[in-house]
């Protein structure tokens, strides 16, 4: 069991290092959100986590070789939180997401499992980085 945990930790470190390298280059993917807000990120980052977007971006590659793609999404703040979550250095963390953020994850086609928790103020979802990799 200890060897498995060490291998899992090495896996997380390797992914974290790859992600850190991929986001050093200028963003090549833009999202236009409600109110005209623009959110910028990297195709390679989202292709890692979303088979759906990987397929769409691959089909755009032949048409848009040198231009950045622009996709439309409703909630820029929720998108920014989701992007921040997947670009953070990987650790065994639990993230509390509101329903808008969970909806963005679904729209992006990132396969995850979430655990619902009810709080007195609002409904949130808990998501770990391991949940993203498990799917």
N, C-alpha and C. Protein backbone atom coordinates (compact mmCIF):
# COMPACT_ATOMS: atom_id res chain seq x y z
N UNK A 1 0.82 -1.19 0.00
CA UNK A 1 0.00 0.00 0.00
C UNK A 1 0.87 1.26 0.00
N UNK A 2 1.98 1.21 0.73
CA UNK A 2 2.87 2.37 0.80
C UNK A 2 3.50 2.65 -0.57
N UNK A 3 3.84 1.58 -1.30
CA UNK A 3 4.42 1.72 -2.64
C UNK A 3 3.40 2.35 -3.59
N UNK A 4 2.14 1.94 -3.46
CA UNK A 4 1.08 2.50 -4.29
C UNK A 4 0.93 3.99 -4.03
N UNK A 5 0.94 4.39 -2.76
CA UNK A 5 0.84 5.81 -2.42
C UNK A 5 2.02 6.60 -2.97
N UNK A 6 3.22 6.04 -2.91
CA UNK A 6 4.40 6.71 -3.45
C UNK A 6 4.29 6.87 -4.96
N UNK A 7 3.82 5.82 -5.65
CA UNK A 7 3.63 5.90 -7.10
C UNK A 7 2.57 6.94 -7.46
N UNK A 8 1.50 6.98 -6.68
CA UNK A 8 0.44 7.97 -6.92
C UNK A 8 0.99 9.38 -6.71
N UNK A 9 1.78 9.56 -5.67
CA UNK A 9 2.38 10.87 -5.41
C UNK A 9 3.32 11.26 -6.55
N UNK A 10 4.13 10.32 -7.04
CA UNK A 10 5.02 10.61 -8.18
C UNK A 10 4.22 10.99 -9.42
N UNK A 11 3.09 10.33 -9.62
CA UNK A 11 2.21 10.63 -10.74
C UNK A 11 1.68 12.06 -10.64
N UNK A 12 1.24 12.45 -9.44
CA UNK A 12 0.73 13.81 -9.24
C UNK A 12 1.83 14.86 -9.47
N UNK A 13 3.04 14.57 -9.02
CA UNK A 13 4.15 15.49 -9.21
C UNK A 13 4.45 15.65 -10.70
N UNK A 14 4.46 14.54 -11.44
CA UNK A 14 4.72 14.60 -12.89
C UNK A 14 3.66 15.41 -13.61
N UNK A 15 2.40 15.20 -13.28
CA UNK A 15 1.32 15.96 -13.90
C UNK A 15 1.44 17.44 -13.55
N UNK A 16 1.70 17.72 -12.29
CA UNK A 16 1.83 19.10 -11.84
C UNK A 16 2.96 19.81 -12.59
N UNK A 17 4.08 19.14 -12.76
CA UNK A 17 5.21 19.73 -13.49
C UNK A 17 4.86 19.97 -14.95
N UNK A 18 4.19 19.01 -15.59
CA UNK A 18 3.77 19.18 -16.98
C UNK A 18 2.81 20.35 -17.13
N UNK A 19 1.88 20.47 -16.20
CA UNK A 19 0.92 21.58 -16.25
C UNK A 19 1.63 22.92 -16.07
N UNK A 20 2.56 22.96 -15.14
CA UNK A 20 3.31 24.21 -14.90
C UNK A 20 4.06 24.64 -16.15
N UNK A 21 4.64 23.69 -16.88
CA UNK A 21 5.36 24.01 -18.12
C UNK A 21 4.40 24.48 -19.21
N UNK A 22 3.24 23.83 -19.31
CA UNK A 22 2.31 24.16 -20.40
C UNK A 22 1.72 25.55 -20.27
N UNK A 23 1.60 26.06 -19.05
CA UNK A 23 0.98 27.38 -18.88
C UNK A 23 1.99 28.52 -18.91
N UNK A 24 3.26 28.22 -19.19
CA UNK A 24 4.28 29.28 -19.31
C UNK A 24 4.17 30.01 -20.64
N UNK A 25 3.62 29.37 -21.64
CA UNK A 25 3.47 30.01 -22.94
C UNK A 25 2.20 30.88 -22.95
N UNK A 26 2.10 31.81 -23.89
CA UNK A 26 0.90 32.65 -23.95
C UNK A 26 -0.36 31.82 -24.20
N UNK A 27 -1.48 32.21 -23.62
CA UNK A 27 -2.73 31.48 -23.82
C UNK A 27 -3.10 31.41 -25.30
N UNK A 28 -3.67 30.27 -25.70
CA UNK A 28 -4.10 30.11 -27.09
C UNK A 28 -5.57 29.73 -27.20
N UNK A 29 -6.30 29.92 -26.10
CA UNK A 29 -7.73 29.63 -26.08
C UNK A 29 -8.42 30.71 -25.26
N UNK A 30 -9.47 31.28 -25.82
CA UNK A 30 -10.22 32.34 -25.14
C UNK A 30 -11.67 31.92 -24.98
N UNK A 31 -12.25 32.34 -23.88
CA UNK A 31 -13.68 32.15 -23.65
C UNK A 31 -14.31 33.52 -23.53
N UNK A 32 -15.35 33.77 -24.28
CA UNK A 32 -16.12 34.99 -24.13
C UNK A 32 -17.30 34.64 -23.23
N UNK A 33 -17.41 35.36 -22.13
CA UNK A 33 -18.43 35.06 -21.14
C UNK A 33 -19.45 36.20 -21.06
N UNK A 34 -20.44 35.97 -20.24
CA UNK A 34 -21.52 36.94 -20.05
C UNK A 34 -20.95 38.34 -19.79
N UNK A 35 -21.55 39.33 -20.39
CA UNK A 35 -21.11 40.71 -20.21
C UNK A 35 -19.85 41.04 -20.99
N UNK A 36 -19.43 40.15 -21.90
CA UNK A 36 -18.25 40.41 -22.71
C UNK A 36 -16.93 40.10 -22.02
N UNK A 37 -16.99 39.52 -20.81
CA UNK A 37 -15.76 39.20 -20.08
C UNK A 37 -14.99 38.11 -20.83
N UNK A 38 -13.69 38.32 -20.99
CA UNK A 38 -12.83 37.35 -21.67
C UNK A 38 -12.00 36.61 -20.62
N UNK A 39 -11.93 35.30 -20.78
CA UNK A 39 -11.11 34.45 -19.91
C UNK A 39 -10.16 33.68 -20.83
N UNK A 40 -8.87 33.71 -20.51
CA UNK A 40 -7.86 33.12 -21.37
C UNK A 40 -7.22 31.91 -20.70
N UNK A 41 -6.92 30.89 -21.50
CA UNK A 41 -6.27 29.69 -20.99
C UNK A 41 -5.51 29.00 -22.12
N UNK A 42 -5.13 27.77 -21.89
CA UNK A 42 -4.33 27.01 -22.85
C UNK A 42 -5.09 25.79 -23.34
N UNK A 43 -5.04 25.57 -24.65
CA UNK A 43 -5.70 24.39 -25.23
C UNK A 43 -5.18 23.12 -24.60
N UNK A 44 -3.87 23.04 -24.44
CA UNK A 44 -3.26 21.81 -23.92
C UNK A 44 -3.76 21.49 -22.52
N UNK A 45 -3.99 22.51 -21.70
CA UNK A 45 -4.49 22.30 -20.34
C UNK A 45 -5.88 21.66 -20.38
N UNK A 46 -6.78 22.24 -21.15
CA UNK A 46 -8.13 21.70 -21.19
C UNK A 46 -8.19 20.36 -21.91
N UNK A 47 -7.31 20.15 -22.87
CA UNK A 47 -7.29 18.86 -23.57
C UNK A 47 -6.89 17.72 -22.63
N UNK A 48 -6.10 18.02 -21.63
CA UNK A 48 -5.71 17.00 -20.65
C UNK A 48 -6.93 16.53 -19.86
N UNK A 49 -7.81 17.46 -19.49
CA UNK A 49 -8.91 17.14 -18.59
C UNK A 49 -10.23 16.85 -19.28
N UNK A 50 -10.39 17.29 -20.50
CA UNK A 50 -11.68 17.15 -21.17
C UNK A 50 -11.56 16.43 -22.51
N UNK A 51 -11.98 15.16 -22.55
CA UNK A 51 -11.97 14.46 -23.84
C UNK A 51 -12.86 15.17 -24.87
N UNK A 52 -13.94 15.77 -24.41
CA UNK A 52 -14.86 16.52 -25.28
C UNK A 52 -14.14 17.69 -25.94
N UNK A 53 -13.49 18.53 -25.14
CA UNK A 53 -12.77 19.69 -25.71
C UNK A 53 -11.55 19.26 -26.51
N UNK A 54 -10.90 18.18 -26.10
CA UNK A 54 -9.76 17.67 -26.86
C UNK A 54 -10.19 17.36 -28.29
N UNK A 55 -11.34 16.73 -28.43
CA UNK A 55 -11.87 16.38 -29.75
C UNK A 55 -12.22 17.64 -30.55
N UNK A 56 -12.89 18.59 -29.92
CA UNK A 56 -13.27 19.83 -30.61
C UNK A 56 -12.03 20.61 -31.03
N UNK A 57 -11.09 20.75 -30.12
CA UNK A 57 -9.87 21.52 -30.42
C UNK A 57 -9.03 20.84 -31.50
N UNK A 58 -9.02 19.51 -31.51
CA UNK A 58 -8.29 18.80 -32.55
C UNK A 58 -8.92 19.05 -33.92
N UNK A 59 -10.25 19.12 -33.97
CA UNK A 59 -10.92 19.37 -35.25
C UNK A 59 -10.70 20.81 -35.72
N UNK A 60 -10.49 21.73 -34.78
CA UNK A 60 -10.22 23.12 -35.14
C UNK A 60 -8.77 23.33 -35.58
N UNK A 61 -7.89 22.44 -35.19
CA UNK A 61 -6.46 22.62 -35.46
C UNK A 61 -6.16 22.78 -36.94
N UNK A 62 -6.85 22.03 -37.78
CA UNK A 62 -6.58 22.13 -39.21
C UNK A 62 -7.10 23.44 -39.81
N UNK A 63 -8.12 24.00 -39.19
CA UNK A 63 -8.71 25.24 -39.69
C UNK A 63 -8.01 26.47 -39.12
N UNK A 64 -7.61 26.40 -37.84
CA UNK A 64 -7.04 27.55 -37.15
C UNK A 64 -5.63 27.26 -36.68
N UNK A 65 -4.71 27.13 -37.57
CA UNK A 65 -3.36 26.74 -37.16
C UNK A 65 -2.65 27.83 -36.36
N UNK A 66 -2.84 29.08 -36.70
CA UNK A 66 -2.07 30.12 -36.02
C UNK A 66 -2.91 31.07 -35.18
N UNK A 67 -4.21 30.96 -35.24
CA UNK A 67 -5.07 31.88 -34.49
C UNK A 67 -5.59 31.21 -33.22
N UNK A 68 -5.85 32.02 -32.22
CA UNK A 68 -6.42 31.51 -30.98
C UNK A 68 -7.92 31.28 -31.18
N UNK A 69 -8.42 30.20 -30.59
CA UNK A 69 -9.85 29.88 -30.67
C UNK A 69 -10.60 30.67 -29.60
N UNK A 70 -11.85 31.02 -29.88
CA UNK A 70 -12.71 31.69 -28.92
C UNK A 70 -13.99 30.87 -28.77
N UNK A 71 -14.29 30.48 -27.54
CA UNK A 71 -15.50 29.73 -27.24
C UNK A 71 -16.39 30.57 -26.34
N UNK A 72 -17.69 30.32 -26.39
CA UNK A 72 -18.65 31.09 -25.58
C UNK A 72 -19.08 30.27 -24.37
N UNK A 73 -19.09 30.90 -23.21
CA UNK A 73 -19.57 30.29 -21.97
C UNK A 73 -20.28 31.37 -21.16
N UNK A 74 -21.27 30.97 -20.35
CA UNK A 74 -22.04 31.99 -19.64
C UNK A 74 -21.33 32.64 -18.46
N UNK A 75 -20.66 31.89 -17.59
CA UNK A 75 -20.20 32.44 -16.32
C UNK A 75 -18.68 32.52 -16.25
N UNK A 76 -18.14 33.74 -16.41
CA UNK A 76 -16.70 33.93 -16.39
C UNK A 76 -16.07 33.69 -15.04
N UNK A 77 -16.74 34.07 -13.96
CA UNK A 77 -16.18 33.88 -12.62
C UNK A 77 -16.06 32.40 -12.29
N UNK A 78 -17.09 31.63 -12.61
CA UNK A 78 -17.06 30.18 -12.36
C UNK A 78 -15.97 29.53 -13.21
N UNK A 79 -15.84 29.96 -14.45
CA UNK A 79 -14.80 29.41 -15.33
C UNK A 79 -13.42 29.70 -14.76
N UNK A 80 -13.19 30.91 -14.30
CA UNK A 80 -11.89 31.27 -13.72
C UNK A 80 -11.55 30.38 -12.52
N UNK A 81 -12.54 30.10 -11.67
CA UNK A 81 -12.28 29.25 -10.50
C UNK A 81 -11.94 27.83 -10.94
N UNK A 82 -12.66 27.30 -11.91
CA UNK A 82 -12.38 25.95 -12.40
C UNK A 82 -10.98 25.89 -13.01
N UNK A 83 -10.63 26.88 -13.83
CA UNK A 83 -9.28 26.91 -14.44
C UNK A 83 -8.20 27.04 -13.37
N UNK A 84 -8.47 27.85 -12.36
CA UNK A 84 -7.50 28.01 -11.27
C UNK A 84 -7.33 26.67 -10.55
N UNK A 85 -8.41 25.94 -10.35
CA UNK A 85 -8.35 24.67 -9.65
C UNK A 85 -7.49 23.66 -10.43
N UNK A 86 -7.68 23.58 -11.73
CA UNK A 86 -6.95 22.55 -12.48
C UNK A 86 -5.51 22.96 -12.80
N UNK A 87 -5.16 24.24 -12.66
CA UNK A 87 -3.78 24.66 -12.91
C UNK A 87 -2.94 24.75 -11.65
N UNK A 88 -3.56 24.65 -10.48
CA UNK A 88 -2.81 24.71 -9.22
C UNK A 88 -1.86 23.52 -9.11
N UNK A 89 -0.75 23.69 -8.39
CA UNK A 89 0.09 22.51 -8.12
C UNK A 89 -0.76 21.43 -7.46
N UNK A 90 -0.53 20.22 -7.88
CA UNK A 90 -1.38 19.12 -7.43
C UNK A 90 -1.01 18.67 -6.04
N UNK A 91 -2.02 18.57 -5.22
CA UNK A 91 -1.90 18.05 -3.85
C UNK A 91 -3.21 17.34 -3.56
N UNK A 92 -3.28 16.76 -2.43
CA UNK A 92 -4.51 16.05 -2.06
C UNK A 92 -5.45 17.05 -1.41
N UNK A 93 -6.06 17.86 -2.23
CA UNK A 93 -6.94 18.92 -1.75
C UNK A 93 -8.39 18.63 -2.09
N UNK A 94 -9.27 19.21 -1.32
CA UNK A 94 -10.70 19.15 -1.61
C UNK A 94 -11.14 20.58 -1.90
N UNK A 95 -11.85 20.75 -3.00
CA UNK A 95 -12.33 22.07 -3.40
C UNK A 95 -13.84 22.11 -3.21
N UNK A 96 -14.33 23.20 -2.66
CA UNK A 96 -15.77 23.40 -2.57
C UNK A 96 -16.18 24.27 -3.75
N UNK A 97 -17.08 23.75 -4.56
CA UNK A 97 -17.53 24.46 -5.75
C UNK A 97 -19.02 24.75 -5.62
N UNK A 98 -19.41 25.92 -6.10
CA UNK A 98 -20.84 26.20 -6.11
C UNK A 98 -21.45 25.56 -7.36
N UNK A 99 -22.76 25.62 -7.46
CA UNK A 99 -23.44 24.94 -8.56
C UNK A 99 -23.06 25.51 -9.93
N UNK A 100 -22.77 26.82 -10.00
CA UNK A 100 -22.33 27.41 -11.27
C UNK A 100 -20.99 26.81 -11.71
N UNK A 101 -20.09 26.61 -10.78
CA UNK A 101 -18.78 26.04 -11.10
C UNK A 101 -18.90 24.57 -11.52
N UNK A 102 -19.78 23.84 -10.86
CA UNK A 102 -20.02 22.45 -11.25
C UNK A 102 -20.61 22.40 -12.65
N UNK A 103 -21.50 23.35 -12.96
CA UNK A 103 -22.09 23.42 -14.30
C UNK A 103 -21.03 23.70 -15.36
N UNK A 104 -20.06 24.57 -15.06
CA UNK A 104 -18.96 24.85 -15.99
C UNK A 104 -18.16 23.57 -16.26
N UNK A 105 -17.88 22.80 -15.21
CA UNK A 105 -17.16 21.54 -15.37
C UNK A 105 -17.93 20.62 -16.31
N UNK A 106 -19.24 20.56 -16.14
CA UNK A 106 -20.06 19.72 -17.01
C UNK A 106 -20.04 20.24 -18.45
N UNK A 107 -20.17 21.55 -18.62
CA UNK A 107 -20.17 22.15 -19.97
C UNK A 107 -18.84 21.86 -20.67
N UNK A 108 -17.74 21.97 -19.93
CA UNK A 108 -16.42 21.72 -20.51
C UNK A 108 -16.19 20.25 -20.81
N UNK A 109 -17.05 19.39 -20.30
CA UNK A 109 -16.90 17.96 -20.56
C UNK A 109 -15.80 17.32 -19.75
N UNK A 110 -15.51 17.88 -18.58
CA UNK A 110 -14.48 17.30 -17.70
C UNK A 110 -15.17 16.23 -16.86
N UNK A 111 -14.79 14.97 -17.05
CA UNK A 111 -15.45 13.90 -16.31
C UNK A 111 -14.96 13.84 -14.86
N UNK A 112 -15.85 14.10 -13.92
CA UNK A 112 -15.51 14.07 -12.50
C UNK A 112 -16.66 13.44 -11.72
N UNK A 113 -16.33 13.06 -10.52
CA UNK A 113 -17.35 12.66 -9.56
C UNK A 113 -17.31 13.69 -8.45
N UNK A 114 -18.48 14.14 -8.04
CA UNK A 114 -18.55 15.13 -6.98
C UNK A 114 -19.39 14.58 -5.84
N UNK A 115 -19.13 15.08 -4.65
CA UNK A 115 -19.88 14.72 -3.47
C UNK A 115 -20.69 15.93 -3.05
N UNK A 116 -22.01 15.77 -2.99
CA UNK A 116 -22.84 16.92 -2.60
C UNK A 116 -22.79 17.13 -1.10
N UNK A 117 -22.70 18.38 -0.73
CA UNK A 117 -22.79 18.77 0.67
C UNK A 117 -23.76 19.93 0.75
N UNK A 118 -24.58 19.89 1.73
CA UNK A 118 -25.52 20.99 1.92
C UNK A 118 -24.99 21.87 3.04
N UNK A 119 -25.04 23.16 2.82
CA UNK A 119 -24.71 24.09 3.90
C UNK A 119 -25.92 24.97 4.11
N UNK A 120 -25.94 25.69 5.18
CA UNK A 120 -27.11 26.50 5.48
C UNK A 120 -27.27 27.65 4.48
N UNK A 121 -26.17 28.12 3.90
CA UNK A 121 -26.27 29.26 3.01
C UNK A 121 -26.52 28.87 1.55
N UNK A 122 -25.88 27.80 1.09
CA UNK A 122 -26.09 27.38 -0.30
C UNK A 122 -25.58 25.97 -0.50
N UNK A 123 -25.94 25.39 -1.62
CA UNK A 123 -25.50 24.04 -1.93
C UNK A 123 -24.15 24.12 -2.63
N UNK A 124 -23.22 23.29 -2.18
CA UNK A 124 -21.90 23.25 -2.81
C UNK A 124 -21.57 21.81 -3.17
N UNK A 125 -20.56 21.65 -3.97
CA UNK A 125 -20.06 20.34 -4.35
C UNK A 125 -18.61 20.29 -3.91
N UNK A 126 -18.18 19.11 -3.47
CA UNK A 126 -16.77 18.94 -3.14
C UNK A 126 -16.11 18.11 -4.22
N UNK A 127 -14.94 18.52 -4.62
CA UNK A 127 -14.22 17.86 -5.70
C UNK A 127 -12.75 17.81 -5.35
N UNK A 128 -12.15 16.66 -5.52
CA UNK A 128 -10.70 16.56 -5.31
C UNK A 128 -10.03 16.42 -6.65
N UNK A 129 -8.76 16.74 -6.72
CA UNK A 129 -8.03 16.58 -7.98
C UNK A 129 -7.95 15.12 -8.37
N UNK A 130 -8.00 14.21 -7.39
CA UNK A 130 -8.01 12.80 -7.70
C UNK A 130 -9.29 12.42 -8.45
N UNK A 131 -10.41 13.09 -8.12
CA UNK A 131 -11.67 12.82 -8.82
C UNK A 131 -11.54 13.10 -10.30
N UNK A 132 -10.78 14.12 -10.66
CA UNK A 132 -10.61 14.47 -12.06
C UNK A 132 -9.83 13.35 -12.77
N UNK A 133 -8.78 12.86 -12.14
CA UNK A 133 -7.96 11.83 -12.75
C UNK A 133 -8.65 10.48 -12.78
N UNK A 134 -9.58 10.24 -11.85
CA UNK A 134 -10.21 8.93 -11.73
C UNK A 134 -11.16 8.66 -12.88
N UNK A 135 -11.53 9.67 -13.63
CA UNK A 135 -12.53 9.49 -14.69
C UNK A 135 -11.93 9.54 -16.05
